[in-house]
Every structure is written in C-alpha cells, then in structure tokens.
C-alpha cells in the first residue's frame, strides 16, 4: 500500500515538475514587456507621417497578447520641451486571465493608438525653426533606461536642426558638419548626451521631396546614426519601417 502511495506521490511530483518546466519555458513568450516611443516632426509640412500599422508593428500583439506595453508619442518642434502623450497596456498573467477580456483590452488600446496618432498628425504646424536634438536625446535616453524586453524609438523627421546653436541651413554650420562632425556633436551636447543605448532600436524615417531635402537629411541622419550607434543602439534610416519581431 505504501509503495502505491509513494509511487503516486512520485508520479504527481514528476508531473508537477514537468508542468512547471513547460510553463517556465512557455511563459516568456507571454510575459515580455515593450517600451516604444514615436517622435513626430511638426516642423515640416510634407513629412512622412506615422500610421497605425507603424506604431503597432513593434508590439506584435498578435503573438504577445499578454505582454505589457508602454507607448509614448511625442512631437518635435522649435522648442526643447514638447507635447507628449502616453498610453499603457498592462501585462496579464495568462493562466488567470480571460482571453476574451484581454482581446477587448487590446482592441481598446489600439483604438486609443488611432486617436493619438490622428491627433498628432493633425497638428502639422510647420514651425519656422526645429529643435530636433534636445527631445531626441531626451527620449532615447528615457526609453533606454526602462526595463523592457523590447525597446524602440521611431522618429518621423528630416533631422534638420535649426536653432541658434546649430542650423543645417547656415552655410558655415553645414560645412562644419561635413568636415568636423565631432565639433557639431560637442556644440549640441549642451542639450544632453546619449547614455547607454544598448538594446534599443531606433528608426529614422523621412521621404525627401527635393535635392536639397535629400542633401540635408543625408548629412543630419548620418550624424544621428553615428551618434546613437556609438552609444550602443541599433539604428535604421529610411522611408519604410520594418521591425524585426523575431528578436524577442
């Protein structure tokens, strides 16, 4: 009798161990966290704008429905401090959650994303000056400091700083960034410096309309790409956003 009892206990323990192992292996897929920031340039009338798909793509909610999400949408303008909107989707413990309720949560979150993106895209004011560096540095440092499995910053901008400190539209500053980009880095560092950006993916998206747009964007995007990559970030520059969801 004791043998049967002990055998039953052993089988139960083995079963529980197997279940826990399977659960522990399976859980990371459903417990990851994402921190995403979308930066939208208000200083250009015809700049490429974020879409719902662009914003939701890094989240990959179809495969990670239980994850937690921190989403921030911020604007570039002529000012250092700019408007910011924050959305959150709390993570859920899938074994104790109702899938239908979670689908409703996700649907509401996606509706809120639509509302925020439409509101920001409708504010295309065309400021005469552009402070790109200050909010860009601040946001990449903020996202990078968050404890998350996936961290991404997508900037919809021509990258054309136009302030009293540095302006790509001044011949002298344009020559400076061509010949001595390290001096431009030193000038702009008064607004801040990139911290440890390892684990962060940065997208810079813009569609030039003229040869001058292309020239200025190329100069500035190369500058930003090098600046952020030296700090450890993975940086992509182009008009189309294609986020690799296989990494997490």
Protein backbone atom coordinates (compact mmCIF):
# COMPACT_ATOMS: atom_id res chain seq x y z
CA UNK A 1 0.00 0.00 0.00
CA UNK A 2 2.85 2.32 0.93
CA UNK A 3 4.59 1.52 -2.32
CA UNK A 4 1.49 2.52 -4.29
CA UNK A 5 1.14 5.71 -2.25
CA UNK A 6 4.78 6.66 -2.69
CA UNK A 7 4.61 5.81 -6.37
CA UNK A 8 1.55 8.04 -6.75
CA UNK A 9 3.31 10.89 -4.94
CA UNK A 10 6.40 10.45 -7.11
CA UNK A 11 4.32 10.47 -10.28
CA UNK A 12 2.49 13.57 -9.03
CA UNK A 13 5.76 15.35 -8.27
CA UNK A 14 7.21 14.40 -11.64
CA UNK A 15 4.03 15.66 -13.31
CA UNK A 16 4.16 18.92 -11.40
CA UNK A 17 7.84 19.32 -12.26
CA UNK A 18 7.16 18.72 -15.93
CA UNK A 19 4.23 21.15 -15.87
CA UNK A 20 6.34 23.82 -14.19
CA UNK A 21 9.19 23.30 -16.66
CA UNK A 22 6.81 23.58 -19.59
CA UNK A 23 5.18 26.63 -18.05
CA UNK A 24 8.55 28.30 -17.38
CA UNK A 25 9.64 27.68 -20.96
CA UNK A 26 6.35 28.92 -22.37
CA UNK A 27 5.86 31.95 -20.13
CA UNK A 28 8.48 34.34 -21.59
CA UNK A 29 6.52 34.44 -24.84
CA UNK A 30 3.57 35.85 -22.91
CA UNK A 31 5.28 37.91 -20.24
CA UNK A 32 7.58 40.17 -22.23
CA UNK A 33 7.43 43.94 -21.90
CA UNK A 34 7.72 46.58 -24.61
CA UNK A 35 8.67 50.24 -24.34
CA UNK A 36 8.08 52.19 -27.53
CA UNK A 37 8.33 55.87 -28.34
CA UNK A 38 7.13 57.58 -31.51
CA UNK A 39 8.53 61.04 -32.31
CA UNK A 40 6.70 63.13 -34.91
CA UNK A 41 8.15 66.24 -36.53
CA UNK A 42 5.75 69.21 -36.53
CA UNK A 43 8.18 71.47 -38.34
CA UNK A 44 7.68 70.09 -41.84
CA UNK A 45 4.52 70.40 -43.91
CA UNK A 46 5.12 67.37 -46.13
CA UNK A 47 7.00 64.97 -43.91
CA UNK A 48 6.17 61.27 -43.79
CA UNK A 49 3.67 60.59 -41.02
CA UNK A 50 3.25 57.57 -38.72
CA UNK A 51 0.46 55.14 -39.40
CA UNK A 52 -1.41 52.82 -37.07
CA UNK A 53 0.50 49.86 -38.50
CA UNK A 54 3.87 51.55 -37.95
CA UNK A 55 3.10 52.11 -34.28
CA UNK A 56 1.62 48.67 -33.59
CA UNK A 57 4.17 46.64 -35.55
CA UNK A 58 6.93 46.57 -32.88
CA UNK A 59 4.37 45.44 -30.30
CA UNK A 60 3.41 42.29 -32.22
CA UNK A 61 0.24 41.91 -30.15
CA UNK A 62 -0.98 39.00 -32.26
CA UNK A 63 1.76 36.78 -30.83
CA UNK A 64 2.28 38.54 -27.49
CA UNK A 65 -1.21 39.37 -26.30
CA UNK A 66 -0.38 39.14 -22.57
CA UNK A 67 2.64 41.45 -22.65
CA UNK A 68 2.87 44.87 -21.03
CA UNK A 69 3.25 47.94 -23.26
CA UNK A 70 4.43 51.47 -22.56
CA UNK A 71 3.83 53.72 -25.56
CA UNK A 72 4.81 57.37 -25.75
CA UNK A 73 4.02 59.69 -28.65
CA UNK A 74 5.94 62.95 -28.68
CA UNK A 75 6.42 65.81 -31.12
CA UNK A 76 9.42 67.70 -32.45
CA UNK A 77 9.00 71.46 -32.65
CA UNK A 78 11.08 74.62 -32.31
CA UNK A 79 11.07 74.11 -28.54
CA UNK A 80 13.18 71.84 -26.36
CA UNK A 81 10.17 70.73 -24.30
CA UNK A 82 7.39 69.32 -26.43
CA UNK A 83 3.97 67.75 -26.20
CA UNK A 84 3.81 64.12 -25.12
CA UNK A 85 1.02 61.52 -24.91
CA UNK A 86 1.37 58.22 -23.06
CA UNK A 87 -0.62 55.00 -23.47
CA UNK A 88 -0.24 51.80 -21.48
CA UNK A 89 -1.41 48.23 -21.90
CA UNK A 90 -0.88 46.33 -18.63
CA UNK A 91 0.53 42.84 -18.77
CA UNK A 92 -1.69 39.96 -17.67
CA UNK A 93 -0.97 36.54 -16.17
CA UNK A 94 -2.44 34.35 -18.88
CA UNK A 95 -3.34 31.40 -16.64
CA UNK A 96 -5.55 33.67 -14.52
CA UNK A 97 -6.95 35.85 -17.31
CA UNK A 98 -9.92 35.67 -19.63
CA UNK A 99 -8.82 35.65 -23.31
CA UNK A 100 -11.97 37.47 -24.45
CA UNK A 101 -11.46 40.21 -21.89
CA UNK A 102 -7.85 40.52 -22.98
CA UNK A 103 -8.89 40.85 -26.62
CA UNK A 104 -11.22 43.66 -25.59
CA UNK A 105 -8.37 45.37 -23.72
CA UNK A 106 -6.16 45.15 -26.78
CA UNK A 107 -8.92 46.45 -29.04
CA UNK A 108 -9.45 49.46 -26.78
CA UNK A 109 -5.69 50.09 -26.65
CA UNK A 110 -5.47 50.00 -30.45
CA UNK A 111 -8.40 52.44 -30.70
CA UNK A 112 -6.56 54.79 -28.34
CA UNK A 113 -3.46 54.50 -30.53
CA UNK A 114 -5.55 55.54 -33.54
CA UNK A 115 -6.91 58.55 -31.63
CA UNK A 116 -3.47 59.74 -30.53
CA UNK A 117 -1.82 59.26 -33.92
CA UNK A 118 -4.65 61.08 -35.71
CA UNK A 119 -4.45 63.95 -33.22
CA UNK A 120 -0.68 64.32 -33.60
CA UNK A 121 -0.78 64.01 -37.39
CA UNK A 122 -3.42 66.75 -37.46
CA UNK A 123 -1.09 69.20 -35.73
CA UNK A 124 1.32 69.67 -38.61
CA UNK A 125 2.06 73.33 -37.88
CA UNK A 126 5.20 73.96 -39.88
CA UNK A 127 7.28 75.74 -37.27
CA UNK A 128 9.97 78.03 -38.72
CA UNK A 129 12.66 76.51 -36.51
CA UNK A 130 13.44 72.94 -35.48
CA UNK A 131 14.92 71.71 -32.23
CA UNK A 132 15.48 68.06 -33.10
CA UNK A 133 18.50 67.14 -31.00
CA UNK A 134 17.22 68.00 -27.50
CA UNK A 135 13.94 65.99 -27.49
CA UNK A 136 15.58 63.20 -29.50
CA UNK A 137 18.36 62.71 -26.93
CA UNK A 138 15.94 63.01 -24.04
CA UNK A 139 13.58 60.41 -25.45
CA UNK A 140 16.16 57.78 -26.47
CA UNK A 141 17.74 58.05 -23.02
CA UNK A 142 14.36 57.74 -21.31
CA UNK A 143 13.31 54.66 -23.28
CA UNK A 144 16.72 53.04 -22.94
CA UNK A 145 16.57 53.36 -19.14
CA UNK A 146 13.26 51.48 -18.94
CA UNK A 147 13.47 47.81 -18.02
CA UNK A 148 11.82 46.15 -21.02
CA UNK A 149 12.46 43.22 -23.33
CA UNK A 150 11.83 45.28 -26.45
CA UNK A 151 12.77 48.97 -26.64
CA UNK A 152 12.18 51.03 -29.77
CA UNK A 153 12.17 54.69 -30.81
CA UNK A 154 10.79 55.68 -34.20
CA UNK A 155 11.39 59.27 -35.33
CA UNK A 156 9.48 60.74 -38.27
CA UNK A 157 11.70 63.69 -39.05
CA UNK A 158 14.01 65.29 -41.59
CA UNK A 159 16.56 65.62 -38.74
CA UNK A 160 17.22 69.22 -39.78
CA UNK A 161 18.15 71.08 -36.62
CA UNK A 162 17.61 74.81 -36.99
CA UNK A 163 18.45 76.65 -33.77
CA UNK A 164 20.81 79.36 -32.63
CA UNK A 165 23.26 76.66 -31.52
CA UNK A 166 23.34 74.85 -34.86
CA UNK A 167 21.43 75.16 -38.11
CA UNK A 168 21.80 72.95 -41.15
CA UNK A 169 20.50 75.89 -43.18
CA UNK A 170 23.56 78.02 -42.37
CA UNK A 171 26.44 77.55 -44.79
CA UNK A 172 29.03 77.68 -42.01
CA UNK A 173 27.25 75.02 -39.93
CA UNK A 174 26.70 72.83 -42.97
CA UNK A 175 30.40 72.95 -43.77
CA UNK A 176 31.14 72.20 -40.13
CA UNK A 177 29.09 69.00 -40.06
CA UNK A 178 30.65 67.90 -43.36
CA UNK A 179 34.24 68.40 -42.23
CA UNK A 180 34.12 68.28 -38.44
CA UNK A 181 31.03 66.38 -37.20
CA UNK A 182 32.71 65.90 -33.83
CA UNK A 183 32.54 69.68 -33.30
CA UNK A 184 28.81 69.63 -34.05
CA UNK A 185 28.46 66.83 -31.50
CA UNK A 186 30.27 68.99 -28.96
CA UNK A 187 28.06 72.01 -29.72
CA UNK A 188 24.82 70.08 -29.37
CA UNK A 189 25.96 68.23 -26.25
CA UNK A 190 24.81 71.22 -24.18
CA UNK A 191 21.32 69.74 -24.66
CA UNK A 192 22.47 66.38 -23.36
CA UNK A 193 24.40 63.30 -24.42
CA UNK A 194 23.24 59.79 -25.29
CA UNK A 195 23.62 57.35 -22.41
CA UNK A 196 23.95 53.58 -22.69
CA UNK A 197 21.65 52.72 -25.59
CA UNK A 198 22.40 49.00 -25.85
CA UNK A 199 19.23 47.02 -26.53
CA UNK A 200 17.49 49.98 -28.16
CA UNK A 201 16.36 50.02 -31.79
CA UNK A 202 16.00 53.43 -33.44
CA UNK A 203 14.27 54.15 -36.74
CA UNK A 204 14.64 57.49 -38.53
CA UNK A 205 12.02 57.86 -41.26
CA UNK A 206 11.78 60.58 -43.91
CA UNK A 207 10.96 60.88 -47.62
CA UNK A 208 12.90 63.73 -49.25
CA UNK A 209 10.94 65.76 -51.81
CA UNK A 210 13.78 67.82 -53.30
CA UNK A 211 17.51 67.53 -53.87
CA UNK A 212 18.09 69.97 -51.03
CA UNK A 213 15.89 67.90 -48.69
CA UNK A 214 17.89 64.84 -49.64
CA UNK A 215 21.24 66.56 -49.08
CA UNK A 216 20.34 67.99 -45.69
CA UNK A 217 18.62 64.83 -44.47
CA UNK A 218 21.61 62.71 -45.53
CA UNK A 219 24.03 64.93 -43.63
CA UNK A 220 21.94 65.00 -40.47
CA UNK A 221 20.76 61.37 -40.48
CA UNK A 222 24.36 60.15 -40.89
CA UNK A 223 25.29 62.33 -37.92
CA UNK A 224 22.49 60.93 -35.75
CA UNK A 225 23.07 57.34 -36.85
CA UNK A 226 26.73 57.51 -35.84
CA UNK A 227 25.90 59.32 -32.58
CA UNK A 228 23.41 56.67 -31.47
CA UNK A 229 25.35 53.66 -32.75
CA UNK A 230 28.42 54.76 -30.82
CA UNK A 231 26.21 54.67 -27.71
CA UNK A 232 25.15 51.08 -28.48
CA UNK A 233 21.83 51.47 -30.32
CA UNK A 234 20.78 49.67 -33.48
CA UNK A 235 19.86 52.41 -35.96
CA UNK A 236 17.96 52.23 -39.25
CA UNK A 237 17.41 55.13 -41.65
CA UNK A 238 14.86 55.14 -44.47
CA UNK A 239 11.30 55.81 -45.51
CA UNK A 240 9.84 52.42 -44.56
CA UNK A 241 9.65 50.94 -41.08
CA UNK A 242 10.20 47.16 -40.95
CA UNK A 243 10.65 45.98 -37.38
CA UNK A 244 12.15 42.53 -36.83
CA UNK A 245 9.78 40.84 -34.37
CA UNK A 246 11.80 37.62 -34.39
CA UNK A 247 14.32 39.07 -31.95
CA UNK A 248 12.06 38.66 -28.93
